[in-house]
């Protein structure tokens, strides 16, 4: 373990093996940092921060400040960062409220400079969130999603696994898994074929996904009718189940399709 004499570390903080804390970093009492993590200069880990193993927290990041939510009543909540995740300069991750009791980022994620995660956001594993992305409260992002720079996500939005959202997009509706999303208002612009191939999806699985979204976003403007068409005309598959479950669990709707 290496703790700079110029850092502030509360004696009650729980630090794992081989943790490095650089000058002028601050670590509060109710904080846990896993083995091998690096806390950079001027980073601040406030009460409720839970940082996993082999993480890198860059200068100016603030983890687990209280929520920017007037309903917050001082409940004891957390902001959690999974193993192997990198938090770049000036990222802010607010802790949770009574709704979910935590804000959480999964394993092996990359949050680039100036990202903001509001209270009760849940981010999966292997997610990349580029510079200056802002997530409002209660947002859920599933595994392997990528958000390009300056994306803004409205509260309570759900972004599906393996999706790709183009830079400067405004996300006001749920984004289903496996898709690329762009334009204003946010719309379907295709399947994230490049990302899926990089993650081991075979051509037949990608073709099934394309067939499903052709029904949902290209041939139909009514989502309920499109779902019925998919169920009646396309064979069951893991991809079909994942997509239809996501749509059924999106009562406030999903993003627009090409036909719209």
C-alpha atoms as a PDB file:
ATOM      1  CA  UNK A   1       0.000   0.000   0.000  1.00  0.00           C
ATOM      2  CA  UNK A   2       1.206   3.486  -0.834  1.00  0.00           C
ATOM      3  CA  UNK A   3      -0.549   6.510   0.676  1.00  0.00           C
ATOM      4  CA  UNK A   4       0.897   9.960   0.096  1.00  0.00           C
ATOM      5  CA  UNK A   5       1.482  12.030   3.210  1.00  0.00           C
ATOM      6  CA  UNK A   6      -0.328  14.817   1.362  1.00  0.00           C
ATOM      7  CA  UNK A   7      -3.523  12.755   0.990  1.00  0.00           C
ATOM      8  CA  UNK A   8      -6.382  12.687   3.501  1.00  0.00           C
ATOM      9  CA  UNK A   9      -7.481   9.160   4.423  1.00  0.00           C
ATOM     10  CA  UNK A  10      -9.884   8.684   7.317  1.00  0.00           C
ATOM     11  CA  UNK A  11      -8.665   5.980   9.706  1.00  0.00           C
ATOM     12  CA  UNK A  12     -11.963   4.097   9.385  1.00  0.00           C
ATOM     13  CA  UNK A  13     -11.690   3.746   5.597  1.00  0.00           C
ATOM     14  CA  UNK A  14     -11.145   0.144   4.469  1.00  0.00           C
ATOM     15  CA  UNK A  15      -8.310  -0.187   1.961  1.00  0.00           C
ATOM     16  CA  UNK A  16      -7.238  -3.417   0.256  1.00  0.00           C
ATOM     17  CA  UNK A  17      -3.760  -4.602  -0.597  1.00  0.00           C
ATOM     18  CA  UNK A  18      -1.492  -2.578  -2.899  1.00  0.00           C
ATOM     19  CA  UNK A  19      -3.813   0.428  -3.003  1.00  0.00           C
ATOM     20  CA  UNK A  20      -2.119   3.655  -4.136  1.00  0.00           C
ATOM     21  CA  UNK A  21      -3.483   7.021  -3.008  1.00  0.00           C
ATOM     22  CA  UNK A  22      -1.834  10.054  -4.572  1.00  0.00           C
ATOM     23  CA  UNK A  23      -1.312  13.555  -3.092  1.00  0.00           C
ATOM     24  CA  UNK A  24      -4.362  15.642  -2.228  1.00  0.00           C
ATOM     25  CA  UNK A  25      -6.823  12.781  -2.693  1.00  0.00           C
ATOM     26  CA  UNK A  26      -9.528  12.526  -0.002  1.00  0.00           C
ATOM     27  CA  UNK A  27     -10.953   9.265   1.308  1.00  0.00           C
ATOM     28  CA  UNK A  28     -13.812   9.524   3.814  1.00  0.00           C
ATOM     29  CA  UNK A  29     -14.666   7.169   6.682  1.00  0.00           C
ATOM     30  CA  UNK A  30     -17.385   5.005   5.111  1.00  0.00           C
ATOM     31  CA  UNK A  31     -15.338   4.023   2.060  1.00  0.00           C
ATOM     32  CA  UNK A  32     -14.086   0.662   0.778  1.00  0.00           C
ATOM     33  CA  UNK A  33     -11.325   0.396  -1.851  1.00  0.00           C
ATOM     34  CA  UNK A  34     -10.377  -2.992  -3.325  1.00  0.00           C
ATOM     35  CA  UNK A  35      -6.947  -4.490  -3.886  1.00  0.00           C
ATOM     36  CA  UNK A  36      -4.663  -2.861  -6.404  1.00  0.00           C
ATOM     37  CA  UNK A  37      -6.754   0.233  -7.060  1.00  0.00           C
ATOM     38  CA  UNK A  38      -5.194   3.617  -7.821  1.00  0.00           C
ATOM     39  CA  UNK A  39      -6.732   6.830  -6.488  1.00  0.00           C
ATOM     40  CA  UNK A  40      -5.296   9.799  -8.363  1.00  0.00           C
ATOM     41  CA  UNK A  41      -4.474  13.313  -7.136  1.00  0.00           C
ATOM     42  CA  UNK A  42      -7.448  15.397  -6.019  1.00  0.00           C
ATOM     43  CA  UNK A  43      -9.907  12.520  -6.401  1.00  0.00           C
ATOM     44  CA  UNK A  44     -12.554  12.426  -3.665  1.00  0.00           C
ATOM     45  CA  UNK A  45     -14.195   9.258  -2.311  1.00  0.00           C
ATOM     46  CA  UNK A  46     -17.026  10.345  -0.023  1.00  0.00           C
ATOM     47  CA  UNK A  47     -19.059   8.318   2.470  1.00  0.00           C
ATOM     48  CA  UNK A  48     -20.752   5.406   0.711  1.00  0.00           C
ATOM     49  CA  UNK A  49     -18.105   4.915  -1.971  1.00  0.00           C
ATOM     50  CA  UNK A  50     -17.399   1.265  -2.769  1.00  0.00           C
ATOM     51  CA  UNK A  51     -14.529   0.856  -5.236  1.00  0.00           C
ATOM     52  CA  UNK A  52     -13.600  -2.593  -6.527  1.00  0.00           C
ATOM     53  CA  UNK A  53     -10.265  -4.193  -7.310  1.00  0.00           C
ATOM     54  CA  UNK A  54      -7.790  -2.849  -9.882  1.00  0.00           C
ATOM     55  CA  UNK A  55      -9.738   0.345 -10.506  1.00  0.00           C
ATOM     56  CA  UNK A  56      -8.245   3.648 -11.610  1.00  0.00           C
ATOM     57  CA  UNK A  57      -9.820   6.863 -10.332  1.00  0.00           C
ATOM     58  CA  UNK A  58      -8.322   9.905 -12.085  1.00  0.00           C
ATOM     59  CA  UNK A  59      -7.819  13.463 -10.756  1.00  0.00           C
ATOM     60  CA  UNK A  60     -10.884  15.497  -9.926  1.00  0.00           C
ATOM     61  CA  UNK A  61     -13.340  12.593  -9.839  1.00  0.00           C
ATOM     62  CA  UNK A  62     -15.909  12.680  -7.031  1.00  0.00           C
ATOM     63  CA  UNK A  63     -17.489   9.369  -6.059  1.00  0.00           C
ATOM     64  CA  UNK A  64     -20.514   9.162  -3.740  1.00  0.00           C
ATOM     65  CA  UNK A  65     -21.469  12.780  -3.159  1.00  0.00           C
ATOM     66  CA  UNK A  66     -25.054  13.060  -1.916  1.00  0.00           C
ATOM     67  CA  UNK A  67     -27.777  13.062  -4.608  1.00  0.00           C
ATOM     68  CA  UNK A  68     -28.850  16.240  -6.344  1.00  0.00           C
ATOM     69  CA  UNK A  69     -32.431  15.333  -5.515  1.00  0.00           C
ATOM     70  CA  UNK A  70     -34.674  17.375  -3.233  1.00  0.00           C
ATOM     71  CA  UNK A  71     -36.418  14.170  -2.096  1.00  0.00           C
ATOM     72  CA  UNK A  72     -33.203  12.800  -0.620  1.00  0.00           C
ATOM     73  CA  UNK A  73     -33.677  12.598   3.158  1.00  0.00           C
ATOM     74  CA  UNK A  74     -30.218  11.526   4.296  1.00  0.00           C
ATOM     75  CA  UNK A  75     -30.743   7.759   3.943  1.00  0.00           C
ATOM     76  CA  UNK A  76     -27.562   5.683   3.997  1.00  0.00           C
ATOM     77  CA  UNK A  77     -26.850   4.719   0.413  1.00  0.00           C
ATOM     78  CA  UNK A  78     -23.837   3.863  -1.745  1.00  0.00           C
ATOM     79  CA  UNK A  79     -22.068   4.577  -5.018  1.00  0.00           C
ATOM     80  CA  UNK A  80     -20.377   1.410  -6.269  1.00  0.00           C
ATOM     81  CA  UNK A  81     -17.637   0.934  -8.864  1.00  0.00           C
ATOM     82  CA  UNK A  82     -16.889  -2.579 -10.105  1.00  0.00           C
ATOM     83  CA  UNK A  83     -13.561  -4.347 -10.572  1.00  0.00           C
ATOM     84  CA  UNK A  84     -11.250  -3.153 -13.322  1.00  0.00           C
ATOM     85  CA  UNK A  85     -13.227   0.003 -14.056  1.00  0.00           C
ATOM     86  CA  UNK A  86     -11.555   3.274 -15.043  1.00  0.00           C
ATOM     87  CA  UNK A  87     -13.022   6.601 -13.932  1.00  0.00           C
ATOM     88  CA  UNK A  88     -11.393   9.481 -15.806  1.00  0.00           C
ATOM     89  CA  UNK A  89     -10.918  13.131 -14.878  1.00  0.00           C
ATOM     90  CA  UNK A  90     -13.741  15.051 -13.181  1.00  0.00           C
ATOM     91  CA  UNK A  91     -16.319  12.257 -13.375  1.00  0.00           C
ATOM     92  CA  UNK A  92     -19.081  12.619 -10.767  1.00  0.00           C
ATOM     93  CA  UNK A  93     -21.068   9.647  -9.479  1.00  0.00           C
ATOM     94  CA  UNK A  94     -23.753  10.552  -6.941  1.00  0.00           C
ATOM     95  CA  UNK A  95     -24.899   7.919  -4.476  1.00  0.00           C
ATOM     96  CA  UNK A  96     -28.404   6.458  -4.469  1.00  0.00           C
ATOM     97  CA  UNK A  97     -31.667   7.415  -2.820  1.00  0.00           C
ATOM     98  CA  UNK A  98     -34.422   5.363  -1.201  1.00  0.00           C
ATOM     99  CA  UNK A  99     -35.546   4.211  -4.666  1.00  0.00           C
ATOM    100  CA  UNK A 100     -32.633   1.839  -5.407  1.00  0.00           C
ATOM    101  CA  UNK A 101     -30.384   2.587  -2.423  1.00  0.00           C
ATOM    102  CA  UNK A 102     -27.335   2.736  -4.686  1.00  0.00           C
ATOM    103  CA  UNK A 103     -25.775   4.040  -7.836  1.00  0.00           C
ATOM    104  CA  UNK A 104     -23.640   1.329  -9.417  1.00  0.00           C
ATOM    105  CA  UNK A 105     -21.132   0.894 -12.247  1.00  0.00           C
ATOM    106  CA  UNK A 106     -20.173  -2.658 -13.211  1.00  0.00           C
ATOM    107  CA  UNK A 107     -16.871  -4.360 -13.980  1.00  0.00           C
ATOM    108  CA  UNK A 108     -14.425  -3.333 -16.704  1.00  0.00           C
ATOM    109  CA  UNK A 109     -16.198  -0.120 -17.613  1.00  0.00           C
ATOM    110  CA  UNK A 110     -14.673   3.101 -18.919  1.00  0.00           C
ATOM    111  CA  UNK A 111     -16.184   6.431 -17.915  1.00  0.00           C
ATOM    112  CA  UNK A 112     -14.366   9.206 -19.750  1.00  0.00           C
ATOM    113  CA  UNK A 113     -13.768  12.762 -18.537  1.00  0.00           C
ATOM    114  CA  UNK A 114     -16.655  14.877 -17.218  1.00  0.00           C
ATOM    115  CA  UNK A 115     -19.247  12.085 -17.216  1.00  0.00           C
ATOM    116  CA  UNK A 116     -22.032  12.571 -14.662  1.00  0.00           C
ATOM    117  CA  UNK A 117     -24.055   9.705 -13.186  1.00  0.00           C
ATOM    118  CA  UNK A 118     -26.975  10.909 -11.115  1.00  0.00           C
ATOM    119  CA  UNK A 119     -28.543   9.031  -8.208  1.00  0.00           C
ATOM    120  CA  UNK A 120     -29.834   5.485  -8.676  1.00  0.00           C
ATOM    121  CA  UNK A 121     -28.233   4.890 -12.065  1.00  0.00           C
ATOM    122  CA  UNK A 122     -27.295   1.259 -12.704  1.00  0.00           C
ATOM    123  CA  UNK A 123     -24.596   0.641 -15.322  1.00  0.00           C
ATOM    124  CA  UNK A 124     -23.704  -2.914 -16.374  1.00  0.00           C
ATOM    125  CA  UNK A 125     -20.371  -4.518 -17.213  1.00  0.00           C
ATOM    126  CA  UNK A 126     -18.039  -3.557 -20.075  1.00  0.00           C
ATOM    127  CA  UNK A 127     -19.880  -0.300 -20.731  1.00  0.00           C
ATOM    128  CA  UNK A 128     -18.089   2.653 -22.365  1.00  0.00           C
ATOM    129  CA  UNK A 129     -19.416   6.141 -21.621  1.00  0.00           C
ATOM    130  CA  UNK A 130     -17.522   8.836 -23.511  1.00  0.00           C
ATOM    131  CA  UNK A 131     -16.673  12.406 -22.552  1.00  0.00           C
ATOM    132  CA  UNK A 132     -19.314  14.736 -21.090  1.00  0.00           C
ATOM    133  CA  UNK A 133     -22.186  12.237 -21.131  1.00  0.00           C
ATOM    134  CA  UNK A 134     -24.874  13.093 -18.573  1.00  0.00           C
ATOM    135  CA  UNK A 135     -27.234  10.524 -17.070  1.00  0.00           C
ATOM    136  CA  UNK A 136     -30.227  11.765 -15.092  1.00  0.00           C
ATOM    137  CA  UNK A 137     -31.522   9.774 -12.131  1.00  0.00           C
ATOM    138  CA  UNK A 138     -32.725   6.158 -12.263  1.00  0.00           C
ATOM    139  CA  UNK A 139     -31.179   5.360 -15.668  1.00  0.00           C
ATOM    140  CA  UNK A 140     -30.298   1.722 -16.424  1.00  0.00           C
ATOM    141  CA  UNK A 141     -27.614   0.776 -18.960  1.00  0.00           C
ATOM    142  CA  UNK A 142     -27.084  -2.896 -19.775  1.00  0.00           C
ATOM    143  CA  UNK A 143     -23.806  -4.705 -20.529  1.00  0.00           C
ATOM    144  CA  UNK A 144     -21.566  -3.713 -23.448  1.00  0.00           C
ATOM    145  CA  UNK A 145     -23.451  -0.538 -24.357  1.00  0.00           C
ATOM    146  CA  UNK A 146     -21.455   2.376 -25.787  1.00  0.00           C
ATOM    147  CA  UNK A 147     -22.502   6.026 -25.440  1.00  0.00           C
ATOM    148  CA  UNK A 148     -20.502   8.513 -27.494  1.00  0.00           C
ATOM    149  CA  UNK A 149     -19.597  11.991 -26.271  1.00  0.00           C
ATOM    150  CA  UNK A 150     -22.131  14.591 -25.119  1.00  0.00           C
ATOM    151  CA  UNK A 151     -25.066  12.182 -24.982  1.00  0.00           C
ATOM    152  CA  UNK A 152     -27.772  13.286 -22.542  1.00  0.00           C
ATOM    153  CA  UNK A 153     -30.104  10.663 -21.062  1.00  0.00           C
ATOM    154  CA  UNK A 154     -33.463  11.514 -19.470  1.00  0.00           C
ATOM    155  CA  UNK A 155     -34.450  10.057 -16.102  1.00  0.00           C
ATOM    156  CA  UNK A 156     -35.809   6.474 -15.866  1.00  0.00           C
ATOM    157  CA  UNK A 157     -34.506   5.525 -19.328  1.00  0.00           C
ATOM    158  CA  UNK A 158     -33.328   1.971 -20.066  1.00  0.00           C
ATOM    159  CA  UNK A 159     -30.559   1.396 -22.627  1.00  0.00           C
ATOM    160  CA  UNK A 160     -30.216  -2.188 -23.834  1.00  0.00           C
ATOM    161  CA  UNK A 161     -27.177  -4.434 -24.076  1.00  0.00           C
ATOM    162  CA  UNK A 162     -24.756  -4.082 -27.014  1.00  0.00           C
ATOM    163  CA  UNK A 163     -26.389  -0.857 -28.155  1.00  0.00           C
ATOM    164  CA  UNK A 164     -24.488   2.090 -29.612  1.00  0.00           C
ATOM    165  CA  UNK A 165     -25.687   5.692 -29.226  1.00  0.00           C
ATOM    166  CA  UNK A 166     -24.172   8.353 -31.473  1.00  0.00           C
ATOM    167  CA  UNK A 167     -22.555  11.471 -30.063  1.00  0.00           C
ATOM    168  CA  UNK A 168     -24.653  14.445 -28.918  1.00  0.00           C
ATOM    169  CA  UNK A 169     -27.861  12.376 -28.951  1.00  0.00           C
ATOM    170  CA  UNK A 170     -30.770  13.196 -26.651  1.00  0.00           C
ATOM    171  CA  UNK A 171     -32.219   9.984 -25.216  1.00  0.00           C
ATOM    172  CA  UNK A 172     -35.871  10.400 -24.207  1.00  0.00           C
ATOM    173  CA  UNK A 173     -37.129   6.864 -24.932  1.00  0.00           C
ATOM    174  CA  UNK A 174     -35.777   3.405 -24.164  1.00  0.00           C
ATOM    175  CA  UNK A 175     -33.155   2.034 -26.555  1.00  0.00           C
ATOM    176  CA  UNK A 176     -33.524  -1.725 -27.235  1.00  0.00           C
ATOM    177  CA  UNK A 177     -30.542  -4.110 -27.276  1.00  0.00           C
ATOM    178  CA  UNK A 178     -28.223  -4.656 -30.259  1.00  0.00           C
ATOM    179  CA  UNK A 179     -29.083  -1.421 -32.113  1.00  0.00           C
ATOM    180  CA  UNK A 180     -27.373   1.737 -33.307  1.00  0.00           C
ATOM    181  CA  UNK A 181     -29.246   4.928 -32.438  1.00  0.00           C
ATOM    182  CA  UNK A 182     -28.786   8.452 -33.799  1.00  0.00           C
ATOM    183  CA  UNK A 183     -30.616  11.529 -35.211  1.00  0.00           C
ATOM    184  CA  UNK A 184     -33.057  13.901 -33.540  1.00  0.00           C
ATOM    185  CA  UNK A 185     -35.423  12.674 -32.290  1.00  0.00           C
ATOM    186  CA  UNK A 186     -33.421   9.567 -31.474  1.00  0.00           C
ATOM    187  CA  UNK A 187     -34.110   6.843 -34.047  1.00  0.00           C
ATOM    188  CA  UNK A 188     -33.074   3.369 -35.116  1.00  0.00           C
ATOM    189  CA  UNK A 189     -30.293   3.501 -37.719  1.00  0.00           C
ATOM    190  CA  UNK A 190     -29.381  -0.176 -37.863  1.00  0.00           C
ATOM    191  CA  UNK A 191     -28.029  -3.122 -35.901  1.00  0.00           C
ATOM    192  CA  UNK A 192     -24.680  -2.735 -34.128  1.00  0.00           C
ATOM    193  CA  UNK A 193     -23.076  -5.339 -36.386  1.00  0.00           C
ATOM    194  CA  UNK A 194     -19.458  -4.289 -35.776  1.00  0.00           C
ATOM    195  CA  UNK A 195     -19.849  -4.407 -32.012  1.00  0.00           C
ATOM    196  CA  UNK A 196     -21.630  -7.746 -32.073  1.00  0.00           C
ATOM    197  CA  UNK A 197     -18.946  -9.364 -34.217  1.00  0.00           C
ATOM    198  CA  UNK A 198     -16.244  -8.060 -31.894  1.00  0.00           C
ATOM    199  CA  UNK A 199     -18.039  -9.788 -29.018  1.00  0.00           C
ATOM    200  CA  UNK A 200     -18.318 -13.146 -30.737  1.00  0.00           C
ATOM    201  CA  UNK A 201     -21.801 -13.050 -32.243  1.00  0.00           C
ATOM    202  CA  UNK A 202     -22.006 -15.281 -35.317  1.00  0.00           C
ATOM    203  CA  UNK A 203     -23.483 -14.180 -38.632  1.00  0.00           C
ATOM    204  CA  UNK A 204     -26.626 -16.282 -38.186  1.00  0.00           C
ATOM    205  CA  UNK A 205     -27.392 -14.628 -34.823  1.00  0.00           C
ATOM    206  CA  UNK A 206     -26.808 -11.180 -36.311  1.00  0.00           C
ATOM    207  CA  UNK A 207     -29.095 -12.041 -39.218  1.00  0.00           C
ATOM    208  CA  UNK A 208     -31.838 -13.044 -36.768  1.00  0.00           C
ATOM    209  CA  UNK A 209     -31.467  -9.717 -34.972  1.00  0.00           C
ATOM    210  CA  UNK A 210     -31.669  -7.818 -38.270  1.00  0.00           C
ATOM    211  CA  UNK A 211     -34.836  -9.723 -39.232  1.00  0.00           C
ATOM    212  CA  UNK A 212     -36.474  -8.834 -35.923  1.00  0.00           C
ATOM    213  CA  UNK A 213     -35.675  -5.140 -36.170  1.00  0.00           C
ATOM    214  CA  UNK A 214     -36.722  -5.041 -39.825  1.00  0.00           C
ATOM    215  CA  UNK A 215     -40.216  -5.932 -38.615  1.00  0.00           C
ATOM    216  CA  UNK A 216     -40.155  -3.575 -35.644  1.00  0.00           C
ATOM    217  CA  UNK A 217     -38.503  -0.475 -37.059  1.00  0.00           C
ATOM    218  CA  UNK A 218     -38.698  -0.645 -40.871  1.00  0.00           C
ATOM    219  CA  UNK A 219     -41.906  -2.384 -41.918  1.00  0.00           C
ATOM    220  CA  UNK A 220     -44.129  -1.209 -39.068  1.00  0.00           C
ATOM    221  CA  UNK A 221     -44.902   2.064 -37.330  1.00  0.00           C
ATOM    222  CA  UNK A 222     -46.974   0.450 -34.582  1.00  0.00           C
ATOM    223  CA  UNK A 223     -44.784  -1.354 -32.059  1.00  0.00           C
ATOM    224  CA  UNK A 224     -47.533  -3.618 -30.709  1.00  0.00           C
ATOM    225  CA  UNK A 225     -48.389  -4.799 -34.205  1.00  0.00           C
ATOM    226  CA  UNK A 226     -44.698  -5.288 -34.986  1.00  0.00           C
ATOM    227  CA  UNK A 227     -44.241  -7.462 -31.896  1.00  0.00           C
ATOM    228  CA  UNK A 228     -47.173  -9.626 -32.993  1.00  0.00           C
ATOM    229  CA  UNK A 229     -45.620  -9.983 -36.436  1.00  0.00           C
ATOM    230  CA  UNK A 230     -42.297 -11.048 -34.937  1.00  0.00           C
ATOM    231  CA  UNK A 231     -43.988 -13.643 -32.751  1.00  0.00           C
ATOM    232  CA  UNK A 232     -46.025 -15.028 -35.661  1.00  0.00           C
ATOM    233  CA  UNK A 233     -43.400 -15.050 -38.405  1.00  0.00           C
ATOM    234  CA  UNK A 234     -39.947 -15.441 -36.806  1.00  0.00           C
ATOM    235  CA  UNK A 235     -38.718 -18.501 -34.968  1.00  0.00           C
ATOM    236  CA  UNK A 236     -37.979 -18.291 -31.225  1.00  0.00           C
ATOM    237  CA  UNK A 237     -34.353 -17.563 -30.383  1.00  0.00           C
ATOM    238  CA  UNK A 238     -32.414 -16.077 -27.448  1.00  0.00           C
ATOM    239  CA  UNK A 239     -32.126 -12.814 -29.363  1.00  0.00           C
ATOM    240  CA  UNK A 240     -35.848 -12.685 -30.094  1.00  0.00           C
ATOM    241  CA  UNK A 241     -36.660 -13.328 -26.449  1.00  0.00           C
ATOM    242  CA  UNK A 242     -34.266 -10.637 -25.241  1.00  0.00           C
ATOM    243  CA  UNK A 243     -35.619  -8.018 -27.632  1.00  0.00           C
ATOM    244  CA  UNK A 244     -39.312  -8.731 -27.023  1.00  0.00           C
ATOM    245  CA  UNK A 245     -38.847  -8.855 -23.245  1.00  0.00           C
ATOM    246  CA  UNK A 246     -37.156  -5.463 -23.385  1.00  0.00           C
ATOM    247  CA  UNK A 247     -40.002  -3.951 -25.411  1.00  0.00           C
ATOM    248  CA  UNK A 248     -42.678  -5.422 -23.144  1.00  0.00           C
ATOM    249  CA  UNK A 249     -40.900  -3.916 -20.143  1.00  0.00           C
ATOM    250  CA  UNK A 250     -40.825  -0.441 -21.717  1.00  0.00           C
ATOM    251  CA  UNK A 251     -44.264   0.962 -20.805  1.00  0.00           C
ATOM    252  CA  UNK A 252     -43.239   4.505 -21.780  1.00  0.00           C
ATOM    253  CA  UNK A 253     -42.157   3.365 -25.228  1.00  0.00           C
ATOM    254  CA  UNK A 254     -39.017   2.825 -27.254  1.00  0.00           C
ATOM    255  CA  UNK A 255     -37.204   5.093 -29.688  1.00  0.00           C
ATOM    256  CA  UNK A 256     -38.481   5.829 -33.186  1.00  0.00           C
ATOM    257  CA  UNK A 257     -37.997   3.615 -36.211  1.00  0.00           C
ATOM    258  CA  UNK A 258     -36.935   4.398 -39.783  1.00  0.00           C
ATOM    259  CA  UNK A 259     -40.503   4.276 -41.054  1.00  0.00           C
ATOM    260  CA  UNK A 260     -41.483   7.143 -38.749  1.00  0.00           C
END
